[in-house]
Amino acid sequence: MERQDFWIFLLAFIPIIYGQNVTMGRIVVDGTTTIAQTDENYICMTIDYWPFNECSKIPCIWDGNASVLNLNLSLPTLTKAVQAFKTLRIRVGGSLQDKLIYDIGSFKGINCPQFVRDEIGMFKITEGCLSMERWDDLNQFFNKTGAIVTFGLNALLGRHPTIGMYWGGDWNYTNAEALIQYTVEKNYQINSWEFGNEMVGHNSIGANITAAQYAKDLIKLREIIDRLYNNSQQKPLIVAPSAFFDASWYEDLVNKTGSNIIDVLTHHIYNMGAGDDPKIIYRFVDPNYLSQESSVFQQLENIVQNHAPWSVAWVGEAGGSYHGGSPYISNTFIDGFWYLDQLAMAASYNTKVYCRQTLVGGFYGVLLPHTLAPSPDYYGALLFHQLMGPGVLKVDNNVSSYLRTYAHCTKGRTGVSMLFINLSNQTEFTIEIEKNMNMRLPNKPVQREEYHLTPTNGLLRSSTVLLNGNLLETTKEGDLPSLMPIYRDSNSFISIANWSIVFVVIPDFEASACK
């Protein structure tokens, strides 16, 4: 075993050693004003189209039964996992959405062909087909679970390759228009229609379309939606360009479309690197590395404010590590150090929605392959959804860069909710919370809620998680466990154990910004 491999093994599998060092500190939360706002339904999960088993390595990277086209929607574990959020956003899309034909209108055929591997064409895969029977089944599932749906449209239809990765020609909108018309007639509730996937900017995948052409086609999509939803009480949003962020391209796009065409500017993030990188695990416990992505959030926020104030920013797809995620990392406890930190970081830059790749599928699925048992990230996302409200508060943390700290107005009730992520295996933190201007919390006999997440047996690469020392697991019927807090006096210190994630709800924190 090489020396670097030994240290990776050591970091991944040694148990947490509690209490080596204890650092006491004070964190100040400014409750006078919010620094950002998210959507009320901030948490989003994706369902991808990829229909193939990917087993060139063991364990398999992708289960072919996790595709939008063949996922078993009747599984109680799947239904209950989505229903637990009450209003979980689901984005349907991915690399193959721009090779998908809808079996309706002039494109309706005798057979609805499935994706097949080929030696030519983008991704070396043939075009696939979404039948209206499957679309009906999907919408029945969305309605039953309360999901808020974003559907990714094929934005490549009608175009042709020109030079290199560039494609030219106008978008053939007739197939998308027929699908949208069918959807309206069926009264299916689609929150937003997304236009294309990762086909723009300097990091496009498979194809590349100019900003001028993309803008022209988005204007056409706006006309279609305005016309078909003319008699509807609520009009779906238009989401674009669903790509890796390229500041100049995004700015060019909104300047060319003009106002009120694009409702949501969305971007994709895989900043942890390739899933098979042997050094990837170090990045999850490196605060400096985790903080680097803040510059992208800041740049997109600036574009919205200065060039497209009619729009908002979303993270449309984020899986941490690409190529299906990282084995024994993406679906284990350590992944939460990246995921929950980036959820909270993005929120502080007025990101309204954050879509995790994936709900199911790949190593990065928050529901584990085959069993669909919730991963540690699933429970972290559910707690974030239940506790962290839309209002984001400023936090002054001079204690340690290894103690990631965020504060929001508590969701649906008074007070402030906080998220602490301790990236250190050497230090336990004992924290006192103060309001801004050195105003202490009221000395009242009120108790706060604490939710301490730790890995099973202290192993960072555990696929199960403890809440306040109790194992979280579903029943055989797929029923989720209750996420019960422990209670402490509000004016007492908060203890943050080594390598742990903690949510704290302080009900008597009188933040004027949260009223």
Protein backbone atom coordinates (compact mmCIF):
# COMPACT_ATOMS: atom_id res chain seq x y z
CA MET A 1 0.00 0.00 0.00
CA GLU A 2 1.42 3.41 -1.00
CA ARG A 3 1.85 6.06 1.66
CA GLN A 4 -0.93 8.35 0.27
CA ASP A 5 -3.29 5.37 0.05
CA PHE A 6 -2.56 4.53 3.67
CA TRP A 7 -3.54 7.99 4.83
CA ILE A 8 -6.73 7.94 2.77
CA PHE A 9 -7.60 4.60 4.35
CA LEU A 10 -6.79 5.99 7.80
CA LEU A 11 -8.93 9.09 7.38
CA ALA A 12 -11.83 7.08 6.07
CA PHE A 13 -12.01 4.31 8.62
CA ILE A 14 -10.59 5.36 11.98
CA PRO A 15 -13.24 6.06 14.61
CA ILE A 16 -13.78 9.53 16.00
CA ILE A 17 -11.64 10.21 19.06
CA TYR A 18 -13.75 12.45 21.25
CA GLY A 19 -12.47 15.09 23.59
CA GLN A 20 -8.83 15.43 22.50
CA ASN A 21 -9.19 19.22 22.51
CA VAL A 22 -12.03 21.48 23.51
CA THR A 23 -12.24 25.00 22.12
CA MET A 24 -14.65 27.46 23.67
CA GLY A 25 -15.91 30.35 21.62
CA ARG A 26 -18.65 32.88 21.03
CA ILE A 27 -20.65 33.25 17.82
CA VAL A 28 -22.70 36.36 17.10
CA VAL A 29 -25.90 36.20 15.05
CA ASP A 30 -27.31 39.42 13.61
CA GLY A 31 -31.06 39.12 13.91
CA THR A 32 -31.87 42.67 12.83
CA THR A 33 -31.97 42.00 9.09
CA THR A 34 -31.77 39.13 6.65
CA ILE A 35 -28.80 38.97 4.29
CA ALA A 36 -30.59 36.71 1.80
CA GLN A 37 -33.82 34.85 1.13
CA THR A 38 -34.42 31.36 -0.22
CA ASP A 39 -37.62 29.93 -1.61
CA GLU A 40 -39.94 28.41 0.98
CA ASN A 41 -39.22 25.09 -0.75
CA TYR A 42 -35.45 25.33 -1.07
CA ILE A 43 -34.56 21.63 -1.06
CA CYS A 44 -34.75 19.89 -4.44
CA MET A 45 -33.76 16.43 -5.68
CA THR A 46 -33.23 15.26 -9.25
CA ILE A 47 -34.33 12.15 -11.14
CA ASP A 48 -32.13 11.35 -14.13
CA TYR A 49 -32.82 9.62 -17.45
CA TRP A 50 -29.72 7.40 -17.59
CA PRO A 51 -31.11 3.90 -18.30
CA PHE A 52 -28.00 1.70 -18.32
CA ASN A 53 -26.27 -0.38 -15.68
CA GLU A 54 -22.75 1.00 -15.33
CA CYS A 55 -20.68 -1.83 -13.84
CA SER A 56 -17.22 -1.47 -15.36
CA LYS A 57 -16.08 -1.17 -11.76
CA ILE A 58 -17.39 -2.78 -8.60
CA PRO A 59 -19.52 -1.54 -6.95
CA CYS A 60 -21.62 -0.50 -9.96
CA ILE A 61 -21.69 3.25 -10.54
CA TRP A 62 -25.28 3.33 -11.77
CA ASP A 63 -28.35 1.13 -11.49
CA GLY A 64 -30.23 1.18 -14.79
CA ASN A 65 -33.52 0.87 -12.93
CA ALA A 66 -33.14 4.38 -11.49
CA SER A 67 -34.11 6.12 -14.74
CA VAL A 68 -37.12 8.40 -15.08
CA LEU A 69 -38.28 5.98 -17.75
CA ASN A 70 -38.30 2.80 -15.65
CA LEU A 71 -38.07 3.70 -11.95
CA ASN A 72 -40.65 1.70 -9.98
CA LEU A 73 -42.92 4.50 -8.81
CA SER A 74 -45.07 2.17 -6.71
CA LEU A 75 -42.36 1.37 -4.15
CA PRO A 76 -43.56 2.44 -0.68
CA THR A 77 -40.01 3.42 0.35
CA LEU A 78 -39.77 5.86 -2.59
CA THR A 79 -43.23 7.32 -2.02
CA LYS A 80 -42.73 7.81 1.71
CA ALA A 81 -39.28 9.32 1.25
CA VAL A 82 -40.72 12.06 -0.97
CA GLN A 83 -43.90 12.53 1.09
CA ALA A 84 -41.83 13.18 4.23
CA PHE A 85 -40.89 16.59 2.80
CA LYS A 86 -44.56 17.37 2.05
CA THR A 87 -43.41 19.72 -0.74
CA LEU A 88 -40.17 18.33 -2.15
CA ARG A 89 -39.00 19.91 -5.37
CA ILE A 90 -38.08 17.32 -8.01
CA ARG A 91 -36.17 18.22 -11.16
CA VAL A 92 -36.60 15.69 -13.99
CA GLY A 93 -33.69 15.94 -16.39
CA GLY A 94 -30.05 15.22 -17.11
CA SER A 95 -27.65 14.56 -19.95
CA LEU A 96 -30.13 12.57 -22.04
CA GLN A 97 -33.02 15.06 -21.86
CA ASP A 98 -31.74 16.62 -25.09
CA LYS A 99 -32.01 13.25 -26.84
CA LEU A 100 -35.54 12.48 -25.63
CA ILE A 101 -38.56 12.57 -27.95
CA TYR A 102 -42.10 12.81 -26.57
CA ASP A 103 -44.50 10.29 -28.08
CA ILE A 104 -47.16 12.78 -29.05
CA GLY A 105 -48.26 14.96 -31.98
CA SER A 106 -46.31 14.62 -35.20
CA PHE A 107 -43.64 12.59 -33.36
CA LYS A 108 -46.06 9.91 -32.21
CA GLY A 109 -44.97 6.57 -33.66
CA ILE A 110 -46.04 2.95 -33.65
CA ASN A 111 -43.24 2.16 -31.21
CA CYS A 112 -41.73 4.39 -28.56
CA PRO A 113 -38.03 3.42 -28.75
CA GLN A 114 -35.82 3.34 -25.68
CA PHE A 115 -32.26 4.63 -25.42
CA VAL A 116 -29.72 2.23 -26.94
CA ARG A 117 -25.94 2.46 -27.02
CA ASP A 118 -24.56 3.35 -30.44
CA GLU A 119 -21.20 4.11 -32.02
CA ILE A 120 -22.22 7.51 -33.38
CA GLY A 121 -24.07 10.55 -32.13
CA MET A 122 -23.88 12.56 -28.94
CA PHE A 123 -22.90 10.39 -25.95
CA LYS A 124 -22.91 7.42 -28.39
CA ILE A 125 -26.54 6.77 -27.50
CA THR A 126 -29.57 6.78 -29.79
CA GLU A 127 -32.62 8.96 -29.21
CA GLY A 128 -35.08 7.70 -26.61
CA CYS A 129 -38.78 8.24 -26.13
CA LEU A 130 -41.13 9.28 -23.34
CA SER A 131 -44.57 7.72 -23.79
CA MET A 132 -47.64 9.57 -22.62
CA GLU A 133 -48.53 6.55 -20.48
CA ARG A 134 -45.27 7.02 -18.59
CA TRP A 135 -45.86 10.78 -18.38
CA ASP A 136 -49.27 10.04 -16.84
CA ASP A 137 -47.68 7.68 -14.31
CA LEU A 138 -45.04 10.22 -13.38
CA ASN A 139 -47.61 12.95 -12.81
CA GLN A 140 -49.73 10.61 -10.72
CA PHE A 141 -46.66 10.01 -8.55
CA PHE A 142 -45.91 13.73 -8.30
CA ASN A 143 -49.49 14.48 -7.31
CA LYS A 144 -49.58 11.69 -4.72
CA THR A 145 -46.33 12.76 -3.07
CA GLY A 146 -46.86 16.55 -3.19
CA ALA A 147 -43.77 17.06 -5.35
CA ILE A 148 -43.10 20.45 -6.98
CA VAL A 149 -41.87 19.58 -10.46
CA THR A 150 -39.31 21.07 -12.82
CA PHE A 151 -39.23 19.25 -16.15
CA GLY A 152 -36.25 19.51 -18.50
CA LEU A 153 -37.19 19.93 -22.17
CA ASN A 154 -35.20 18.74 -25.17
CA ALA A 155 -33.54 21.91 -26.48
CA LEU A 156 -31.47 20.20 -29.19
CA LEU A 157 -34.26 18.97 -31.45
CA GLY A 158 -34.01 20.41 -34.97
CA ARG A 159 -30.38 21.49 -34.68
CA HIS A 160 -27.34 20.06 -36.46
CA PRO A 161 -23.62 19.88 -35.61
CA THR A 162 -21.43 22.49 -37.30
CA ILE A 163 -17.84 22.98 -36.08
CA GLY A 164 -16.40 21.06 -33.16
CA MET A 165 -18.99 20.88 -30.41
CA TYR A 166 -21.08 23.71 -31.85
CA TRP A 167 -24.59 23.06 -33.10
CA GLY A 168 -26.55 25.43 -35.33
CA GLY A 169 -30.10 25.89 -36.49
CA ASP A 170 -33.35 26.88 -34.81
CA TRP A 171 -34.95 24.75 -32.14
CA ASN A 172 -37.78 22.52 -33.39
CA TYR A 173 -40.29 23.42 -30.73
CA THR A 174 -43.27 21.42 -32.02
CA ASN A 175 -42.62 18.30 -29.91
CA ALA A 176 -42.16 20.29 -26.69
CA GLU A 177 -45.24 22.35 -27.52
CA ALA A 178 -47.31 19.18 -27.98
CA LEU A 179 -46.12 17.83 -24.60
CA ILE A 180 -46.91 21.11 -22.84
CA GLN A 181 -50.34 21.23 -24.52
CA TYR A 182 -51.07 17.68 -23.33
CA THR A 183 -49.90 18.61 -19.83
CA VAL A 184 -52.22 21.63 -19.71
CA GLU A 185 -55.18 19.60 -20.97
CA LYS A 186 -54.55 16.96 -18.30
CA ASN A 187 -54.23 19.69 -15.65
CA TYR A 188 -50.87 18.34 -14.55
CA GLN A 189 -49.13 20.82 -12.24
CA ILE A 190 -45.66 21.61 -13.56
CA ASN A 191 -43.95 24.36 -11.57
CA SER A 192 -41.28 25.10 -14.17
CA TRP A 193 -40.07 24.07 -17.61
CA GLU A 194 -36.29 23.85 -17.98
CA PHE A 195 -34.70 24.47 -21.40
CA GLY A 196 -31.79 22.17 -22.21
CA ASN A 197 -29.00 20.65 -20.14
CA GLU A 198 -25.32 21.68 -20.04
CA MET A 199 -25.12 22.81 -23.68
CA VAL A 200 -23.68 26.29 -23.24
CA GLY A 201 -20.59 28.14 -22.10
CA HIS A 202 -16.98 27.03 -21.88
CA ASN A 203 -17.79 23.79 -20.03
CA SER A 204 -20.62 22.50 -22.20
CA ILE A 205 -21.16 18.74 -22.42
CA GLY A 206 -21.90 17.02 -25.74
CA ALA A 207 -23.01 20.13 -27.64
CA ASN A 208 -22.61 23.88 -27.55
CA ILE A 209 -25.12 26.56 -28.59
CA THR A 210 -24.42 30.28 -28.85
CA ALA A 211 -26.07 32.75 -26.50
CA ALA A 212 -27.80 34.47 -29.43
CA GLN A 213 -29.42 31.24 -30.64
CA TYR A 214 -30.34 30.16 -27.11
CA ALA A 215 -31.96 33.53 -26.45
CA LYS A 216 -33.97 33.33 -29.68
CA ASP A 217 -35.32 29.90 -28.75
CA LEU A 218 -36.12 30.91 -25.17
CA ILE A 219 -38.20 33.80 -26.49
CA LYS A 220 -40.14 31.23 -28.52
CA LEU A 221 -40.62 29.03 -25.44
CA ARG A 222 -41.95 32.04 -23.54
CA GLU A 223 -44.50 32.66 -26.30
CA ILE A 224 -45.62 29.01 -26.16
CA ILE A 225 -46.03 28.98 -22.38
CA ASP A 226 -47.82 32.33 -22.30
CA ARG A 227 -50.24 31.12 -24.97
CA LEU A 228 -50.92 27.61 -23.65
CA TYR A 229 -51.25 28.74 -20.04
CA ASN A 230 -53.29 31.83 -20.91
CA ASN A 231 -56.31 30.64 -18.93
CA SER A 232 -54.38 29.12 -16.04
CA GLN A 233 -54.26 30.68 -12.59
CA GLN A 234 -50.53 30.06 -12.29
CA LYS A 235 -48.03 30.16 -15.13
CA PRO A 236 -44.97 27.89 -14.93
CA LEU A 237 -41.50 29.39 -14.71
CA ILE A 238 -38.89 29.14 -17.46
CA VAL A 239 -35.58 27.78 -16.17
CA ALA A 240 -32.30 28.10 -18.12
CA PRO A 241 -29.55 27.53 -19.08
CA SER A 242 -28.87 24.62 -16.68
CA ALA A 243 -25.14 24.67 -17.33
CA PHE A 244 -21.80 25.03 -15.64
CA PHE A 245 -21.40 28.68 -14.75
CA ASP A 246 -19.73 30.92 -17.31
CA ALA A 247 -20.15 34.55 -16.22
CA SER A 248 -19.72 36.18 -19.63
CA TRP A 249 -22.08 33.69 -21.34
CA TYR A 250 -24.78 34.10 -18.66
CA GLU A 251 -24.55 37.89 -18.87
CA ASP A 252 -24.71 37.74 -22.65
CA LEU A 253 -27.80 35.52 -22.49
CA VAL A 254 -29.86 37.79 -20.25
CA ASN A 255 -28.85 40.84 -22.27
CA LYS A 256 -30.04 39.14 -25.46
CA THR A 257 -33.32 37.74 -24.09
CA GLY A 258 -34.30 40.96 -22.36
CA SER A 259 -36.65 41.19 -19.41
CA ASN A 260 -39.22 38.66 -18.30
CA ILE A 261 -38.19 35.79 -20.57
CA ILE A 262 -36.08 33.72 -18.15
CA ASP A 263 -37.51 33.44 -14.65
CA VAL A 264 -34.70 31.33 -13.21
CA LEU A 265 -30.98 31.35 -13.99
CA THR A 266 -29.74 27.92 -13.02
CA HIS A 267 -26.26 26.44 -12.85
CA HIS A 268 -24.67 23.05 -12.12
CA ILE A 269 -21.92 22.25 -9.62
CA TYR A 270 -19.56 19.28 -9.22
CA ASN A 271 -16.78 21.05 -7.41
CA MET A 272 -15.46 18.07 -5.42
CA GLY A 273 -13.98 16.53 -8.57
CA ALA A 274 -14.03 13.09 -10.20
CA GLY A 275 -15.64 10.36 -8.16
CA ASP A 276 -12.69 8.01 -8.71
CA ASP A 277 -10.04 10.51 -7.57
CA PRO A 278 -8.17 8.78 -4.69
CA LYS A 279 -7.49 12.16 -3.04
CA ILE A 280 -11.10 13.36 -3.07
CA ILE A 281 -11.79 12.53 0.58
CA TYR A 282 -9.41 15.22 1.81
CA ARG A 283 -11.52 17.95 0.20
CA PHE A 284 -14.54 17.13 2.37
CA VAL A 285 -12.68 18.14 5.54
CA ASP A 286 -10.79 21.11 4.06
CA PRO A 287 -12.61 24.37 4.92
CA ASN A 288 -10.58 26.39 2.43
CA TYR A 289 -11.53 24.07 -0.41
CA LEU A 290 -15.21 24.06 0.55
CA SER A 291 -15.26 27.87 0.60
CA GLN A 292 -13.95 28.27 -2.95
CA GLU A 293 -17.39 27.79 -4.52
CA SER A 294 -18.68 30.95 -2.82
CA SER A 295 -17.16 33.04 -5.63
CA VAL A 296 -19.51 31.39 -8.15
CA PHE A 297 -22.55 32.09 -5.99
CA GLN A 298 -21.42 35.70 -5.63
CA GLN A 299 -20.90 36.16 -9.37
CA LEU A 300 -24.31 34.77 -10.27
CA GLU A 301 -25.97 36.88 -7.57
CA ASN A 302 -24.29 39.95 -9.12
CA ILE A 303 -25.58 39.06 -12.61
CA VAL A 304 -29.13 38.70 -11.28
CA GLN A 305 -28.97 42.00 -9.40
CA ASN A 306 -27.26 44.03 -12.12
CA HIS A 307 -28.48 42.50 -15.38
CA ALA A 308 -31.57 40.37 -14.70
CA PRO A 309 -33.42 41.64 -11.61
CA TRP A 310 -36.62 39.95 -12.88
CA SER A 311 -34.97 36.54 -12.40
CA VAL A 312 -33.61 34.46 -9.51
CA ALA A 313 -30.73 32.01 -9.12
CA TRP A 314 -31.04 28.25 -8.59
CA VAL A 315 -28.55 25.43 -8.31
CA GLY A 316 -30.16 23.12 -10.85
CA GLU A 317 -27.91 20.12 -10.28
CA ALA A 318 -25.17 19.41 -7.74
CA GLY A 319 -23.72 16.01 -6.92
CA GLY A 320 -20.45 16.92 -5.25
CA SER A 321 -18.34 14.54 -7.33
CA TYR A 322 -19.08 13.74 -10.95
CA HIS A 323 -19.17 10.43 -12.90
CA GLY A 324 -21.98 9.12 -10.71
CA GLY A 325 -20.44 10.22 -7.43
CA SER A 326 -17.70 8.62 -5.35
CA PRO A 327 -18.00 5.08 -3.94
CA TYR A 328 -18.08 4.88 -0.14
CA ILE A 329 -18.13 8.70 0.03
CA SER A 330 -21.13 10.17 -1.82
CA ASN A 331 -23.63 7.95 -0.02
CA THR A 332 -21.97 8.07 3.40
CA PHE A 333 -21.77 10.45 6.35
CA ILE A 334 -18.74 12.43 5.16
CA ASP A 335 -20.63 13.64 2.09
CA GLY A 336 -22.77 15.80 4.38
CA PHE A 337 -19.75 17.97 5.13
CA TRP A 338 -19.86 19.15 1.50
CA TYR A 339 -23.61 18.90 0.89
CA LEU A 340 -25.04 20.67 3.94
CA ASP A 341 -22.26 23.25 3.91
CA GLN A 342 -22.95 24.09 0.26
CA LEU A 343 -26.72 24.14 0.85
CA ALA A 344 -26.25 26.79 3.52
CA MET A 345 -23.53 28.66 1.64
CA ALA A 346 -25.65 28.93 -1.52
CA ALA A 347 -28.59 30.20 0.53
CA SER A 348 -26.48 33.06 1.87
CA TYR A 349 -26.07 34.35 -1.72
CA ASN A 350 -29.81 34.47 -2.45
CA THR A 351 -29.92 31.10 -4.19
CA LYS A 352 -33.63 30.28 -4.12
CA VAL A 353 -33.55 26.52 -4.85
CA TYR A 354 -30.82 23.87 -4.60
CA CYS A 355 -31.25 20.58 -6.51
CA ARG A 356 -29.24 17.60 -5.33
CA GLN A 357 -28.15 15.03 -7.91
CA THR A 358 -29.88 12.60 -7.28
CA LEU A 359 -32.94 11.41 -5.39
CA VAL A 360 -32.09 7.91 -6.56
CA GLY A 361 -29.35 6.74 -8.93
CA GLY A 362 -25.55 6.67 -8.75
CA PHE A 363 -23.42 6.80 -5.64
CA TYR A 364 -24.70 10.32 -5.01
CA GLY A 365 -28.35 9.26 -4.69
CA VAL A 366 -29.77 10.25 -1.29
CA LEU A 367 -31.71 6.99 -1.42
CA LEU A 368 -29.30 4.07 -1.51
CA PRO A 369 -29.25 1.74 -4.56
CA HIS A 370 -31.62 -1.25 -4.64
CA THR A 371 -33.02 -0.85 -1.10
CA LEU A 372 -33.81 2.89 -1.42
CA ALA A 373 -32.90 3.22 2.25
CA PRO A 374 -32.20 6.87 3.14
CA SER A 375 -28.54 7.86 3.22
CA PRO A 376 -27.14 10.24 5.86
CA ASP A 377 -27.57 13.11 3.38
CA TYR A 378 -31.29 12.36 3.08
CA TYR A 379 -31.78 12.94 6.81
CA GLY A 380 -29.60 16.06 6.70
CA ALA A 381 -31.69 17.47 3.86
CA LEU A 382 -34.94 16.64 5.64
CA LEU A 383 -33.82 18.42 8.81
CA PHE A 384 -32.69 21.43 6.78
CA HIS A 385 -36.08 21.51 5.05
CA GLN A 386 -37.98 21.27 8.33
CA LEU A 387 -35.92 23.68 10.43
CA MET A 388 -34.17 26.29 8.26
CA GLY A 389 -36.60 28.94 7.02
CA PRO A 390 -36.22 31.26 4.01
CA GLY A 391 -34.66 34.16 5.92
CA VAL A 392 -30.84 33.93 6.09
CA LEU A 393 -29.04 35.74 8.91
CA LYS A 394 -25.49 37.02 9.17
CA VAL A 395 -23.18 35.05 11.45
CA ASP A 396 -19.85 36.26 12.84
CA ASN A 397 -17.69 33.21 13.54
CA ASN A 398 -14.13 33.87 14.66
CA VAL A 399 -13.84 30.56 16.52
CA SER A 400 -12.39 28.34 13.80
CA SER A 401 -12.62 27.83 10.04
CA TYR A 402 -13.26 24.15 10.79
CA LEU A 403 -16.52 25.04 12.49
CA ARG A 404 -18.88 25.92 9.65
CA THR A 405 -21.76 27.98 11.05
CA TYR A 406 -24.99 29.25 9.49
CA ALA A 407 -28.22 30.78 10.82
CA HIS A 408 -31.74 31.13 9.39
CA CYS A 409 -35.07 32.24 10.74
CA THR A 410 -36.75 29.10 12.03
CA LYS A 411 -39.18 27.64 9.54
CA GLY A 412 -42.85 28.09 10.39
CA ARG A 413 -42.34 29.32 13.95
CA THR A 414 -40.54 31.95 15.99
CA GLY A 415 -36.86 31.90 16.75
CA VAL A 416 -33.61 31.15 14.95
CA SER A 417 -32.28 27.85 13.61
CA MET A 418 -28.55 27.22 13.29
CA LEU A 419 -26.43 24.69 11.45
CA PHE A 420 -23.00 23.71 12.75
CA ILE A 421 -20.59 21.44 10.84
CA ASN A 422 -17.44 20.39 12.68
CA LEU A 423 -14.84 19.35 10.11
CA SER A 424 -12.20 18.69 12.76
CA ASN A 425 -11.31 15.32 14.26
CA GLN A 426 -9.09 17.01 16.83
CA THR A 427 -11.37 19.60 18.38
CA GLU A 428 -14.73 19.65 20.06
CA PHE A 429 -16.31 23.09 20.19
CA THR A 430 -18.26 24.58 23.08
CA ILE A 431 -20.17 27.55 21.76
CA GLU A 432 -22.05 30.48 23.28
CA ILE A 433 -24.55 32.25 21.01
CA GLU A 434 -25.05 35.99 21.22
CA LYS A 435 -27.26 38.42 19.39
CA ASN A 436 -25.60 41.29 17.58
CA MET A 437 -24.55 44.39 19.56
CA ASN A 438 -23.50 42.16 22.46
CA MET A 439 -27.08 41.54 23.54
CA ARG A 440 -27.30 38.23 25.38
CA LEU A 441 -30.14 35.82 24.86
CA PRO A 442 -32.98 36.38 27.35
CA ASN A 443 -32.50 34.67 30.71
CA LYS A 444 -35.75 32.78 30.48
CA PRO A 445 -36.35 29.12 31.33
CA VAL A 446 -36.91 28.24 27.67
CA GLN A 447 -35.43 25.17 26.09
CA ARG A 448 -33.83 24.90 22.67
CA GLU A 449 -33.90 21.88 20.34
CA GLU A 450 -30.69 20.11 19.31
CA TYR A 451 -30.24 17.55 16.54
CA HIS A 452 -26.76 15.98 16.63
CA LEU A 453 -25.87 13.87 13.57
CA THR A 454 -22.87 11.54 13.92
CA PRO A 455 -21.66 8.57 11.85
CA THR A 456 -22.42 5.05 13.03
CA ASN A 457 -19.47 3.60 14.99
CA GLY A 458 -17.62 6.86 14.40
CA LEU A 459 -16.81 5.89 10.80
CA LEU A 460 -16.95 8.80 8.36
CA ARG A 461 -17.75 6.42 5.52
CA SER A 462 -20.70 4.89 7.26
CA SER A 463 -23.86 4.67 5.15
CA THR A 464 -25.98 5.04 8.29
CA VAL A 465 -26.24 7.90 10.75
CA LEU A 466 -27.10 8.49 14.40
CA LEU A 467 -29.39 11.26 15.58
CA ASN A 468 -28.59 12.17 19.19
CA GLY A 469 -26.98 8.75 19.53
CA ASN A 470 -29.88 6.78 18.05
CA LEU A 471 -29.64 4.92 14.75
CA LEU A 472 -31.94 6.30 12.04
CA GLU A 473 -33.51 3.49 10.03
CA THR A 474 -36.77 2.86 8.24
CA THR A 475 -39.21 0.06 8.97
CA LYS A 476 -39.71 -2.86 6.57
CA GLU A 477 -42.73 -0.95 5.23
CA GLY A 478 -40.55 2.08 4.44
CA ASP A 479 -41.80 4.26 7.29
CA LEU A 480 -39.25 6.86 8.33
CA PRO A 481 -38.10 7.27 11.93
CA SER A 482 -39.14 10.32 13.93
CA LEU A 483 -36.47 13.01 14.00
CA MET A 484 -36.66 13.83 17.68
CA PRO A 485 -34.44 16.50 19.27
CA ILE A 486 -32.86 16.65 22.67
CA TYR A 487 -33.62 19.72 24.78
CA ARG A 488 -31.22 22.09 26.52
CA ASP A 489 -31.63 25.44 28.28
CA SER A 490 -31.38 28.18 25.68
CA ASN A 491 -28.73 30.13 27.56
CA SER A 492 -26.43 27.13 28.04
CA PHE A 493 -23.40 26.38 25.89
CA ILE A 494 -23.76 24.28 22.72
CA SER A 495 -21.36 21.34 22.42
CA ILE A 496 -20.32 20.37 18.88
CA ALA A 497 -18.54 17.00 18.83
CA ASN A 498 -15.64 16.11 16.53
CA TRP A 499 -16.70 15.34 12.96
CA SER A 500 -20.38 16.00 13.54
CA ILE A 501 -23.30 17.97 12.10
CA VAL A 502 -25.66 19.78 14.46
CA PHE A 503 -28.93 21.65 13.93
CA VAL A 504 -30.06 23.88 16.80
CA VAL A 505 -33.42 25.64 17.13
CA ILE A 506 -33.45 28.57 19.58
CA PRO A 507 -37.13 29.53 20.01
CA ASP A 508 -36.54 32.51 22.29
CA PHE A 509 -34.01 34.20 20.02
CA GLU A 510 -35.94 37.41 19.36
CA ALA A 511 -34.73 38.28 15.86
CA SER A 512 -36.62 41.27 14.50
CA ALA A 513 -35.77 40.17 10.94
CA CYS A 514 -37.76 36.98 11.48
CA LYS A 515 -41.04 38.59 12.55
